[in-house]
């Protein structure tokens, strides 16, 4: 990111770019959605320690799909569950990397 930032700064300086930057309005629904999703990602990262990877991933993915305006809750749950299980299978089965189990640690 540092290299990309430096390249953008150099490019702007070389081409004397003086274009006006767009202002960000928190009244814009897209900006609000982005902020909500960012906060949701932070909550997801903290919840993973307590809930475990699978439950927190299912909840987070369903939340993301809801914010993307998908309304089929059954399909949202199935996709979230299968994705979480595929990630667990890949990380624990193939890569031998332990994911947070949270409260499920006592059961396995």
PDB file of N, CA and C in Angstrom:
ATOM      1  N   UNK A   1       0.817  -1.184   0.000  1.00  0.00           N
ATOM      2  CA  UNK A   1       0.000   0.000   0.000  1.00  0.00           C
ATOM      3  C   UNK A   1       0.862   1.248   0.000  1.00  0.00           C
ATOM      4  N   UNK A   2       1.990   1.164   0.703  1.00  0.00           N
ATOM      5  CA  UNK A   2       2.879   2.319   0.733  1.00  0.00           C
ATOM      6  C   UNK A   2       3.416   2.602  -0.661  1.00  0.00           C
ATOM      7  N   UNK A   3       3.798   1.539  -1.374  1.00  0.00           N
ATOM      8  CA  UNK A   3       4.324   1.712  -2.728  1.00  0.00           C
ATOM      9  C   UNK A   3       3.261   2.294  -3.648  1.00  0.00           C
ATOM     10  N   UNK A   4       2.046   1.795  -3.535  1.00  0.00           N
ATOM     11  CA  UNK A   4       0.946   2.319  -4.367  1.00  0.00           C
ATOM     12  C   UNK A   4       0.660   3.782  -4.039  1.00  0.00           C
ATOM     13  N   UNK A   5       0.684   4.116  -2.767  1.00  0.00           N
ATOM     14  CA  UNK A   5       0.457   5.504  -2.371  1.00  0.00           C
ATOM     15  C   UNK A   5       1.539   6.425  -2.910  1.00  0.00           C
ATOM     16  N   UNK A   6       2.785   5.969  -2.815  1.00  0.00           N
ATOM     17  CA  UNK A   6       3.884   6.772  -3.348  1.00  0.00           C
ATOM     18  C   UNK A   6       3.758   6.942  -4.861  1.00  0.00           C
ATOM     19  N   UNK A   7       3.361   5.871  -5.556  1.00  0.00           N
ATOM     20  CA  UNK A   7       3.187   5.958  -7.010  1.00  0.00           C
ATOM     21  C   UNK A   7       2.090   6.957  -7.363  1.00  0.00           C
ATOM     22  N   UNK A   8       1.004   6.963  -6.607  1.00  0.00           N
ATOM     23  CA  UNK A   8      -0.071   7.928  -6.858  1.00  0.00           C
ATOM     24  C   UNK A   8       0.393   9.353  -6.585  1.00  0.00           C
ATOM     25  N   UNK A   9       1.151   9.548  -5.523  1.00  0.00           N
ATOM     26  CA  UNK A   9       1.664  10.886  -5.215  1.00  0.00           C
ATOM     27  C   UNK A   9       2.612  11.377  -6.307  1.00  0.00           C
ATOM     28  N   UNK A  10       3.490  10.509  -6.763  1.00  0.00           N
ATOM     29  CA  UNK A  10       4.424  10.885  -7.825  1.00  0.00           C
ATOM     30  C   UNK A  10       3.683  11.186  -9.114  1.00  0.00           C
ATOM     31  N   UNK A  11       2.711  10.336  -9.464  1.00  0.00           N
ATOM     32  CA  UNK A  11       1.919  10.547 -10.678  1.00  0.00           C
ATOM     33  C   UNK A  11       1.164  11.871 -10.621  1.00  0.00           C
ATOM     34  N   UNK A  12       0.583  12.190  -9.467  1.00  0.00           N
ATOM     35  CA  UNK A  12      -0.141  13.451  -9.312  1.00  0.00           C
ATOM     36  C   UNK A  12       0.807  14.637  -9.448  1.00  0.00           C
ATOM     37  N   UNK A  13       1.971  14.520  -8.857  1.00  0.00           N
ATOM     38  CA  UNK A  13       2.954  15.610  -8.918  1.00  0.00           C
ATOM     39  C   UNK A  13       3.477  15.816 -10.342  1.00  0.00           C
ATOM     40  N   UNK A  14       3.738  14.726 -11.056  1.00  0.00           N
ATOM     41  CA  UNK A  14       4.281  14.826 -12.412  1.00  0.00           C
ATOM     42  C   UNK A  14       3.272  15.392 -13.412  1.00  0.00           C
ATOM     43  N   UNK A  15       2.022  15.063 -13.225  1.00  0.00           N
ATOM     44  CA  UNK A  15       0.988  15.508 -14.158  1.00  0.00           C
ATOM     45  C   UNK A  15       0.254  16.757 -13.692  1.00  0.00           C
ATOM     46  N   UNK A  16       0.704  17.351 -12.604  1.00  0.00           N
ATOM     47  CA  UNK A  16       0.090  18.567 -12.056  1.00  0.00           C
ATOM     48  C   UNK A  16      -1.431  18.466 -11.980  1.00  0.00           C
ATOM     49  N   UNK A  17      -1.882  17.368 -11.453  1.00  0.00           N
ATOM     50  CA  UNK A  17      -3.317  17.136 -11.345  1.00  0.00           C
ATOM     51  C   UNK A  17      -3.897  18.018 -10.241  1.00  0.00           C
ATOM     52  N   UNK A  18      -4.859  18.838 -10.612  1.00  0.00           N
ATOM     53  CA  UNK A  18      -5.509  19.708  -9.628  1.00  0.00           C
ATOM     54  C   UNK A  18      -7.017  19.501  -9.627  1.00  0.00           C
ATOM     55  N   UNK A  19      -7.441  18.302  -9.990  1.00  0.00           N
ATOM     56  CA  UNK A  19      -8.874  18.017 -10.023  1.00  0.00           C
ATOM     57  C   UNK A  19      -9.451  18.098  -8.612  1.00  0.00           C
ATOM     58  N   UNK A  20     -10.647  18.611  -8.524  1.00  0.00           N
ATOM     59  CA  UNK A  20     -11.306  18.740  -7.234  1.00  0.00           C
ATOM     60  C   UNK A  20     -11.759  17.369  -6.747  1.00  0.00           C
ATOM     61  N   UNK A  21     -11.538  17.108  -5.494  1.00  0.00           N
ATOM     62  CA  UNK A  21     -11.961  15.845  -4.902  1.00  0.00           C
ATOM     63  C   UNK A  21     -13.439  15.918  -4.563  1.00  0.00           C
ATOM     64  N   UNK A  22     -14.095  14.779  -4.698  1.00  0.00           N
ATOM     65  CA  UNK A  22     -15.518  14.727  -4.344  1.00  0.00           C
ATOM     66  C   UNK A  22     -15.649  14.698  -2.824  1.00  0.00           C
ATOM     67  N   UNK A  23     -16.666  15.380  -2.338  1.00  0.00           N
ATOM     68  CA  UNK A  23     -16.909  15.357  -0.896  1.00  0.00           C
ATOM     69  C   UNK A  23     -17.692  14.102  -0.535  1.00  0.00           C
ATOM     70  N   UNK A  24     -17.460  13.632   0.661  1.00  0.00           N
ATOM     71  CA  UNK A  24     -18.163  12.453   1.157  1.00  0.00           C
ATOM     72  C   UNK A  24     -19.297  12.928   2.047  1.00  0.00           C
ATOM     73  N   UNK A  25     -20.489  12.486   1.717  1.00  0.00           N
ATOM     74  CA  UNK A  25     -21.655  12.850   2.514  1.00  0.00           C
ATOM     75  C   UNK A  25     -22.156  11.619   3.253  1.00  0.00           C
ATOM     76  N   UNK A  26     -22.297  11.743   4.558  1.00  0.00           N
ATOM     77  CA  UNK A  26     -22.799  10.629   5.348  1.00  0.00           C
ATOM     78  C   UNK A  26     -24.294  10.408   5.130  1.00  0.00           C
ATOM     79  N   UNK A  27     -24.920  11.277   4.385  1.00  0.00           N
ATOM     80  CA  UNK A  27     -26.332  11.085   4.034  1.00  0.00           C
ATOM     81  C   UNK A  27     -26.484  10.167   2.834  1.00  0.00           C
ATOM     82  N   UNK A  28     -25.390   9.923   2.124  1.00  0.00           N
ATOM     83  CA  UNK A  28     -25.410   9.027   0.974  1.00  0.00           C
ATOM     84  C   UNK A  28     -25.621   7.592   1.466  1.00  0.00           C
ATOM     85  N   UNK A  29     -26.639   6.883   0.945  1.00  0.00           N
ATOM     86  CA  UNK A  29     -26.903   5.517   1.417  1.00  0.00           C
ATOM     87  C   UNK A  29     -25.728   4.561   1.203  1.00  0.00           C
ATOM     88  N   UNK A  30     -24.960   4.755   0.139  1.00  0.00           N
ATOM     89  CA  UNK A  30     -23.809   3.898  -0.106  1.00  0.00           C
ATOM     90  C   UNK A  30     -22.731   4.072   0.947  1.00  0.00           C
ATOM     91  N   UNK A  31     -22.506   5.307   1.363  1.00  0.00           N
ATOM     92  CA  UNK A  31     -21.518   5.587   2.409  1.00  0.00           C
ATOM     93  C   UNK A  31     -21.988   4.996   3.733  1.00  0.00           C
ATOM     94  N   UNK A  32     -23.255   5.156   4.034  1.00  0.00           N
ATOM     95  CA  UNK A  32     -23.803   4.579   5.276  1.00  0.00           C
ATOM     96  C   UNK A  32     -23.658   3.061   5.272  1.00  0.00           C
ATOM     97  N   UNK A  33     -23.976   2.433   4.140  1.00  0.00           N
ATOM     98  CA  UNK A  33     -23.868   0.975   4.035  1.00  0.00           C
ATOM     99  C   UNK A  33     -22.413   0.540   4.225  1.00  0.00           C
ATOM    100  N   UNK A  34     -21.469   1.287   3.645  1.00  0.00           N
ATOM    101  CA  UNK A  34     -20.056   0.939   3.787  1.00  0.00           C
ATOM    102  C   UNK A  34     -19.609   1.034   5.246  1.00  0.00           C
ATOM    103  N   UNK A  35     -20.066   2.065   5.948  1.00  0.00           N
ATOM    104  CA  UNK A  35     -19.711   2.226   7.362  1.00  0.00           C
ATOM    105  C   UNK A  35     -20.308   1.097   8.200  1.00  0.00           C
ATOM    106  N   UNK A  36     -21.560   0.755   7.917  1.00  0.00           N
ATOM    107  CA  UNK A  36     -22.214  -0.329   8.659  1.00  0.00           C
ATOM    108  C   UNK A  36     -21.499  -1.654   8.415  1.00  0.00           C
ATOM    109  N   UNK A  37     -21.101  -1.905   7.182  1.00  0.00           N
ATOM    110  CA  UNK A  37     -20.395  -3.148   6.868  1.00  0.00           C
ATOM    111  C   UNK A  37     -19.025  -3.162   7.533  1.00  0.00           C
ATOM    112  N   UNK A  38     -18.336  -2.032   7.571  1.00  0.00           N
ATOM    113  CA  UNK A  38     -17.037  -1.958   8.254  1.00  0.00           C
ATOM    114  C   UNK A  38     -17.197  -2.256   9.742  1.00  0.00           C
ATOM    115  N   UNK A  39     -18.197  -1.664  10.374  1.00  0.00           N
ATOM    116  CA  UNK A  39     -18.447  -1.915  11.795  1.00  0.00           C
ATOM    117  C   UNK A  39     -18.817  -3.383  12.000  1.00  0.00           C
ATOM    118  N   UNK A  40     -19.615  -3.938  11.081  1.00  0.00           N
ATOM    119  CA  UNK A  40     -19.969  -5.355  11.151  1.00  0.00           C
ATOM    120  C   UNK A  40     -18.747  -6.255  11.063  1.00  0.00           C
ATOM    121  N   UNK A  41     -17.780  -5.889  10.225  1.00  0.00           N
ATOM    122  CA  UNK A  41     -16.549  -6.678  10.112  1.00  0.00           C
ATOM    123  C   UNK A  41     -15.739  -6.627  11.401  1.00  0.00           C
ATOM    124  N   UNK A  42     -15.720  -5.473  12.051  1.00  0.00           N
ATOM    125  CA  UNK A  42     -15.023  -5.363  13.341  1.00  0.00           C
ATOM    126  C   UNK A  42     -15.705  -6.225  14.403  1.00  0.00           C
ATOM    127  N   UNK A  43     -17.029  -6.182  14.439  1.00  0.00           N
ATOM    128  CA  UNK A  43     -17.781  -7.002  15.398  1.00  0.00           C
ATOM    129  C   UNK A  43     -17.530  -8.483  15.116  1.00  0.00           C
ATOM    130  N   UNK A  44     -17.502  -8.845  13.839  1.00  0.00           N
ATOM    131  CA  UNK A  44     -17.238 -10.230  13.434  1.00  0.00           C
ATOM    132  C   UNK A  44     -15.873 -10.689  13.942  1.00  0.00           C
ATOM    133  N   UNK A  45     -14.868  -9.855  13.776  1.00  0.00           N
ATOM    134  CA  UNK A  45     -13.516 -10.226  14.215  1.00  0.00           C
ATOM    135  C   UNK A  45     -13.463 -10.452  15.727  1.00  0.00           C
ATOM    136  N   UNK A  46     -14.161  -9.622  16.495  1.00  0.00           N
ATOM    137  CA  UNK A  46     -14.171  -9.798  17.949  1.00  0.00           C
ATOM    138  C   UNK A  46     -15.072 -10.957  18.376  1.00  0.00           C
ATOM    139  N   UNK A  47     -16.183 -11.150  17.679  1.00  0.00           N
ATOM    140  CA  UNK A  47     -17.123 -12.210  18.044  1.00  0.00           C
ATOM    141  C   UNK A  47     -16.558 -13.595  17.771  1.00  0.00           C
ATOM    142  N   UNK A  48     -15.630 -13.676  16.829  1.00  0.00           N
ATOM    143  CA  UNK A  48     -15.076 -14.976  16.474  1.00  0.00           C
ATOM    144  C   UNK A  48     -14.404 -15.647  17.673  1.00  0.00           C
ATOM    145  N   UNK A  49     -13.810 -14.871  18.560  1.00  0.00           N
ATOM    146  CA  UNK A  49     -13.143 -15.459  19.725  1.00  0.00           C
ATOM    147  C   UNK A  49     -14.149 -16.076  20.689  1.00  0.00           C
ATOM    148  N   UNK A  50     -15.308 -15.487  20.803  1.00  0.00           N
ATOM    149  CA  UNK A  50     -16.295 -15.962  21.766  1.00  0.00           C
ATOM    150  C   UNK A  50     -17.258 -16.977  21.168  1.00  0.00           C
ATOM    151  N   UNK A  51     -17.740 -16.707  19.960  1.00  0.00           N
ATOM    152  CA  UNK A  51     -18.702 -17.599  19.331  1.00  0.00           C
ATOM    153  C   UNK A  51     -18.037 -18.739  18.575  1.00  0.00           C
ATOM    154  N   UNK A  52     -16.837 -18.521  18.105  1.00  0.00           N
ATOM    155  CA  UNK A  52     -16.171 -19.496  17.266  1.00  0.00           C
ATOM    156  C   UNK A  52     -16.306 -19.096  15.805  1.00  0.00           C
ATOM    157  N   UNK A  53     -15.519 -19.750  14.965  1.00  0.00           N
ATOM    158  CA  UNK A  53     -15.477 -19.379  13.556  1.00  0.00           C
ATOM    159  C   UNK A  53     -16.793 -19.667  12.838  1.00  0.00           C
ATOM    160  N   UNK A  54     -17.325 -20.866  13.000  1.00  0.00           N
ATOM    161  CA  UNK A  54     -18.496 -21.260  12.219  1.00  0.00           C
ATOM    162  C   UNK A  54     -19.722 -20.410  12.550  1.00  0.00           C
ATOM    163  N   UNK A  55     -20.150 -20.287  13.830  1.00  0.00           N
ATOM    164  CA  UNK A  55     -21.343 -19.469  14.085  1.00  0.00           C
ATOM    165  C   UNK A  55     -21.174 -18.000  13.710  1.00  0.00           C
ATOM    166  N   UNK A  56     -20.014 -17.423  14.027  1.00  0.00           N
ATOM    167  CA  UNK A  56     -19.828 -16.007  13.718  1.00  0.00           C
ATOM    168  C   UNK A  56     -19.747 -15.771  12.216  1.00  0.00           C
ATOM    169  N   UNK A  57     -19.174 -16.710  11.465  1.00  0.00           N
ATOM    170  CA  UNK A  57     -19.104 -16.568  10.012  1.00  0.00           C
ATOM    171  C   UNK A  57     -20.490 -16.674   9.396  1.00  0.00           C
ATOM    172  N   UNK A  58     -21.289 -17.591   9.871  1.00  0.00           N
ATOM    173  CA  UNK A  58     -22.657 -17.728   9.348  1.00  0.00           C
ATOM    174  C   UNK A  58     -23.447 -16.445   9.602  1.00  0.00           C
ATOM    175  N   UNK A  59     -23.361 -15.928  10.816  1.00  0.00           N
ATOM    176  CA  UNK A  59     -24.092 -14.696  11.150  1.00  0.00           C
ATOM    177  C   UNK A  59     -23.582 -13.526  10.314  1.00  0.00           C
ATOM    178  N   UNK A  60     -22.261 -13.386  10.204  1.00  0.00           N
ATOM    179  CA  UNK A  60     -21.691 -12.275   9.449  1.00  0.00           C
ATOM    180  C   UNK A  60     -22.046 -12.364   7.967  1.00  0.00           C
ATOM    181  N   UNK A  61     -21.949 -13.554   7.402  1.00  0.00           N
ATOM    182  CA  UNK A  61     -22.279 -13.687   5.977  1.00  0.00           C
ATOM    183  C   UNK A  61     -23.755 -13.408   5.714  1.00  0.00           C
ATOM    184  N   UNK A  62     -24.621 -13.855   6.609  1.00  0.00           N
ATOM    185  CA  UNK A  62     -26.041 -13.558   6.444  1.00  0.00           C
ATOM    186  C   UNK A  62     -26.288 -12.058   6.556  1.00  0.00           C
ATOM    187  N   UNK A  63     -25.590 -11.405   7.486  1.00  0.00           N
ATOM    188  CA  UNK A  63     -25.697  -9.959   7.622  1.00  0.00           C
ATOM    189  C   UNK A  63     -25.247  -9.256   6.344  1.00  0.00           C
ATOM    190  N   UNK A  64     -24.105  -9.702   5.794  1.00  0.00           N
ATOM    191  CA  UNK A  64     -23.589  -9.104   4.556  1.00  0.00           C
ATOM    192  C   UNK A  64     -24.564  -9.297   3.400  1.00  0.00           C
ATOM    193  N   UNK A  65     -25.104 -10.485   3.279  1.00  0.00           N
ATOM    194  CA  UNK A  65     -26.053 -10.742   2.190  1.00  0.00           C
ATOM    195  C   UNK A  65     -27.320  -9.918   2.370  1.00  0.00           C
ATOM    196  N   UNK A  66     -27.743  -9.742   3.610  1.00  0.00           N
ATOM    197  CA  UNK A  66     -28.916  -8.903   3.868  1.00  0.00           C
ATOM    198  C   UNK A  66     -28.643  -7.456   3.467  1.00  0.00           C
ATOM    199  N   UNK A  67     -27.438  -6.958   3.827  1.00  0.00           N
ATOM    200  CA  UNK A  67     -27.086  -5.586   3.459  1.00  0.00           C
ATOM    201  C   UNK A  67     -26.954  -5.428   1.943  1.00  0.00           C
ATOM    202  N   UNK A  68     -26.648  -6.510   1.246  1.00  0.00           N
ATOM    203  CA  UNK A  68     -26.599  -6.487  -0.214  1.00  0.00           C
ATOM    204  C   UNK A  68     -27.979  -6.727  -0.822  1.00  0.00           C
ATOM    205  N   UNK A  69     -28.979  -6.731   0.027  1.00  0.00           N
ATOM    206  CA  UNK A  69     -30.395  -6.780  -0.332  1.00  0.00           C
ATOM    207  C   UNK A  69     -30.831  -8.116  -0.908  1.00  0.00           C
ATOM    208  N   UNK A  70     -30.243  -9.200  -0.418  1.00  0.00           N
ATOM    209  CA  UNK A  70     -30.751 -10.528  -0.738  1.00  0.00           C
ATOM    210  C   UNK A  70     -31.787 -10.867   0.326  1.00  0.00           C
ATOM    211  N   UNK A  71     -32.914 -11.397  -0.080  1.00  0.00           N
ATOM    212  CA  UNK A  71     -34.008 -11.579   0.869  1.00  0.00           C
ATOM    213  C   UNK A  71     -34.393 -13.039   1.115  1.00  0.00           C
ATOM    214  N   UNK A  72     -33.783 -13.981   0.429  1.00  0.00           N
ATOM    215  CA  UNK A  72     -34.107 -15.388   0.638  1.00  0.00           C
ATOM    216  C   UNK A  72     -33.290 -15.906   1.824  1.00  0.00           C
ATOM    217  N   UNK A  73     -33.910 -15.912   2.999  1.00  0.00           N
ATOM    218  CA  UNK A  73     -33.185 -16.269   4.212  1.00  0.00           C
ATOM    219  C   UNK A  73     -32.718 -17.724   4.196  1.00  0.00           C
ATOM    220  N   UNK A  74     -33.492 -18.604   3.622  1.00  0.00           N
ATOM    221  CA  UNK A  74     -33.076 -20.000   3.528  1.00  0.00           C
ATOM    222  C   UNK A  74     -31.834 -20.148   2.678  1.00  0.00           C
ATOM    223  N   UNK A  75     -31.808 -19.491   1.541  1.00  0.00           N
ATOM    224  CA  UNK A  75     -30.641 -19.547   0.659  1.00  0.00           C
ATOM    225  C   UNK A  75     -29.441 -18.868   1.320  1.00  0.00           C
ATOM    226  N   UNK A  76     -29.692 -17.761   2.015  1.00  0.00           N
ATOM    227  CA  UNK A  76     -28.606 -17.072   2.709  1.00  0.00           C
ATOM    228  C   UNK A  76     -27.971 -17.992   3.746  1.00  0.00           C
ATOM    229  N   UNK A  77     -28.798 -18.726   4.492  1.00  0.00           N
ATOM    230  CA  UNK A  77     -28.277 -19.622   5.524  1.00  0.00           C
ATOM    231  C   UNK A  77     -27.494 -20.774   4.912  1.00  0.00           C
ATOM    232  N   UNK A  78     -28.032 -21.377   3.857  1.00  0.00           N
ATOM    233  CA  UNK A  78     -27.358 -22.508   3.213  1.00  0.00           C
ATOM    234  C   UNK A  78     -26.002 -22.085   2.653  1.00  0.00           C
ATOM    235  N   UNK A  79     -25.968 -20.953   1.948  1.00  0.00           N
ATOM    236  CA  UNK A  79     -24.708 -20.469   1.380  1.00  0.00           C
ATOM    237  C   UNK A  79     -23.710 -20.149   2.491  1.00  0.00           C
ATOM    238  N   UNK A  80     -24.171 -19.518   3.557  1.00  0.00           N
ATOM    239  CA  UNK A  80     -23.282 -19.177   4.671  1.00  0.00           C
ATOM    240  C   UNK A  80     -22.730 -20.433   5.341  1.00  0.00           C
ATOM    241  N   UNK A  81     -23.591 -21.400   5.573  1.00  0.00           N
ATOM    242  CA  UNK A  81     -23.170 -22.644   6.217  1.00  0.00           C
ATOM    243  C   UNK A  81     -22.167 -23.393   5.353  1.00  0.00           C
ATOM    244  N   UNK A  82     -22.478 -23.551   4.064  1.00  0.00           N
ATOM    245  CA  UNK A  82     -21.567 -24.282   3.182  1.00  0.00           C
ATOM    246  C   UNK A  82     -20.228 -23.570   3.028  1.00  0.00           C
ATOM    247  N   UNK A  83     -20.252 -22.246   2.972  1.00  0.00           N
ATOM    248  CA  UNK A  83     -19.000 -21.491   2.869  1.00  0.00           C
ATOM    249  C   UNK A  83     -18.166 -21.650   4.131  1.00  0.00           C
ATOM    250  N   UNK A  84     -18.792 -21.539   5.297  1.00  0.00           N
ATOM    251  CA  UNK A  84     -18.061 -21.693   6.561  1.00  0.00           C
ATOM    252  C   UNK A  84     -17.465 -23.087   6.672  1.00  0.00           C
ATOM    253  N   UNK A  85     -18.238 -24.106   6.291  1.00  0.00           N
ATOM    254  CA  UNK A  85     -17.724 -25.474   6.361  1.00  0.00           C
ATOM    255  C   UNK A  85     -16.605 -25.710   5.359  1.00  0.00           C
ATOM    256  N   UNK A  86     -16.700 -25.104   4.177  1.00  0.00           N
ATOM    257  CA  UNK A  86     -15.630 -25.238   3.180  1.00  0.00           C
ATOM    258  C   UNK A  86     -14.344 -24.579   3.664  1.00  0.00           C
ATOM    259  N   UNK A  87     -14.470 -23.430   4.295  1.00  0.00           N
ATOM    260  CA  UNK A  87     -13.282 -22.742   4.819  1.00  0.00           C
ATOM    261  C   UNK A  87     -12.661 -23.555   5.953  1.00  0.00           C
ATOM    262  N   UNK A  88     -13.493 -24.091   6.828  1.00  0.00           N
ATOM    263  CA  UNK A  88     -12.980 -24.926   7.918  1.00  0.00           C
ATOM    264  C   UNK A  88     -12.286 -26.149   7.338  1.00  0.00           C
ATOM    265  N   UNK A  89     -12.905 -26.771   6.345  1.00  0.00           N
ATOM    266  CA  UNK A  89     -12.289 -27.939   5.710  1.00  0.00           C
ATOM    267  C   UNK A  89     -10.957 -27.609   5.078  1.00  0.00           C
ATOM    268  N   UNK A  90     -10.882 -26.467   4.414  1.00  0.00           N
ATOM    269  CA  UNK A  90      -9.632 -26.076   3.765  1.00  0.00           C
ATOM    270  C   UNK A  90      -8.547 -25.752   4.782  1.00  0.00           C
ATOM    271  N   UNK A  91      -8.888 -24.986   5.797  1.00  0.00           N
ATOM    272  CA  UNK A  91      -7.877 -24.562   6.764  1.00  0.00           C
ATOM    273  C   UNK A  91      -7.471 -25.686   7.706  1.00  0.00           C
ATOM    274  N   UNK A  92      -8.432 -26.431   8.222  1.00  0.00           N
ATOM    275  CA  UNK A  92      -8.087 -27.460   9.192  1.00  0.00           C
ATOM    276  C   UNK A  92      -7.713 -28.773   8.510  1.00  0.00           C
ATOM    277  N   UNK A  93      -8.371 -29.087   7.404  1.00  0.00           N
ATOM    278  CA  UNK A  93      -8.099 -30.351   6.731  1.00  0.00           C
ATOM    279  C   UNK A  93      -6.836 -30.328   5.899  1.00  0.00           C
ATOM    280  N   UNK A  94      -6.694 -29.329   5.050  1.00  0.00           N
ATOM    281  CA  UNK A  94      -5.562 -29.285   4.126  1.00  0.00           C
ATOM    282  C   UNK A  94      -4.360 -28.529   4.688  1.00  0.00           C
ATOM    283  N   UNK A  95      -4.608 -27.412   5.330  1.00  0.00           N
ATOM    284  CA  UNK A  95      -3.509 -26.561   5.782  1.00  0.00           C
ATOM    285  C   UNK A  95      -3.109 -26.803   7.232  1.00  0.00           C
ATOM    286  N   UNK A  96      -3.912 -27.584   7.960  1.00  0.00           N
ATOM    287  CA  UNK A  96      -3.663 -27.892   9.364  1.00  0.00           C
ATOM    288  C   UNK A  96      -3.519 -26.628  10.209  1.00  0.00           C
ATOM    289  N   UNK A  97      -4.443 -25.663   9.968  1.00  0.00           N
ATOM    290  CA  UNK A  97      -4.483 -24.414  10.730  1.00  0.00           C
ATOM    291  C   UNK A  97      -5.749 -24.426  11.579  1.00  0.00           C
ATOM    292  N   UNK A  98      -5.593 -24.272  12.871  1.00  0.00           N
ATOM    293  CA  UNK A  98      -6.725 -24.293  13.787  1.00  0.00           C
ATOM    294  C   UNK A  98      -7.458 -22.958  13.764  1.00  0.00           C
ATOM    295  N   UNK A  99      -8.757 -23.003  13.556  1.00  0.00           N
ATOM    296  CA  UNK A  99      -9.596 -21.802  13.594  1.00  0.00           C
ATOM    297  C   UNK A  99     -10.213 -21.672  14.981  1.00  0.00           C
ATOM    298  N   UNK A 100     -10.587 -20.462  15.394  1.00  0.00           N
ATOM    299  CA  UNK A 100     -11.182 -20.280  16.727  1.00  0.00           C
ATOM    300  C   UNK A 100     -12.476 -21.083  16.875  1.00  0.00           C
ATOM    301  N   UNK A 101     -12.583 -21.810  17.965  1.00  0.00           N
ATOM    302  CA  UNK A 101     -13.772 -22.631  18.208  1.00  0.00           C
ATOM    303  C   UNK A 101     -14.760 -21.941  19.143  1.00  0.00           C
ATOM    304  N   UNK A 102     -14.312 -20.964  19.916  1.00  0.00           N
ATOM    305  CA  UNK A 102     -15.213 -20.256  20.823  1.00  0.00           C
ATOM    306  C   UNK A 102     -15.827 -21.192  21.840  1.00  0.00           C
ATOM    307  N   UNK A 103     -17.117 -21.045  22.067  1.00  0.00           N
ATOM    308  CA  UNK A 103     -17.801 -21.882  23.049  1.00  0.00           C
ATOM    309  C   UNK A 103     -17.950 -23.319  22.572  1.00  0.00           C
ATOM    310  N   UNK A 104     -17.737 -23.588  21.283  1.00  0.00           N
ATOM    311  CA  UNK A 104     -17.840 -24.949  20.756  1.00  0.00           C
ATOM    312  C   UNK A 104     -16.620 -25.807  21.108  1.00  0.00           C
ATOM    313  N   UNK A 105     -15.583 -25.195  21.668  1.00  0.00           N
ATOM    314  CA  UNK A 105     -14.355 -25.914  21.995  1.00  0.00           C
ATOM    315  C   UNK A 105     -14.617 -27.027  22.998  1.00  0.00           C
ATOM    316  N   UNK A 106     -15.587 -26.858  23.875  1.00  0.00           N
ATOM    317  CA  UNK A 106     -15.895 -27.882  24.875  1.00  0.00           C
ATOM    318  C   UNK A 106     -16.576 -29.101  24.268  1.00  0.00           C
ATOM    319  N   UNK A 107     -17.142 -28.961  23.068  1.00  0.00           N
ATOM    320  CA  UNK A 107     -17.873 -30.048  22.448  1.00  0.00           C
ATOM    321  C   UNK A 107     -17.011 -30.896  21.511  1.00  0.00           C
ATOM    322  N   UNK A 108     -15.871 -30.367  21.081  1.00  0.00           N
ATOM    323  CA  UNK A 108     -15.051 -31.093  20.106  1.00  0.00           C
ATOM    324  C   UNK A 108     -13.699 -31.432  20.669  1.00  0.00           C
TER     325      UNK A 108
END
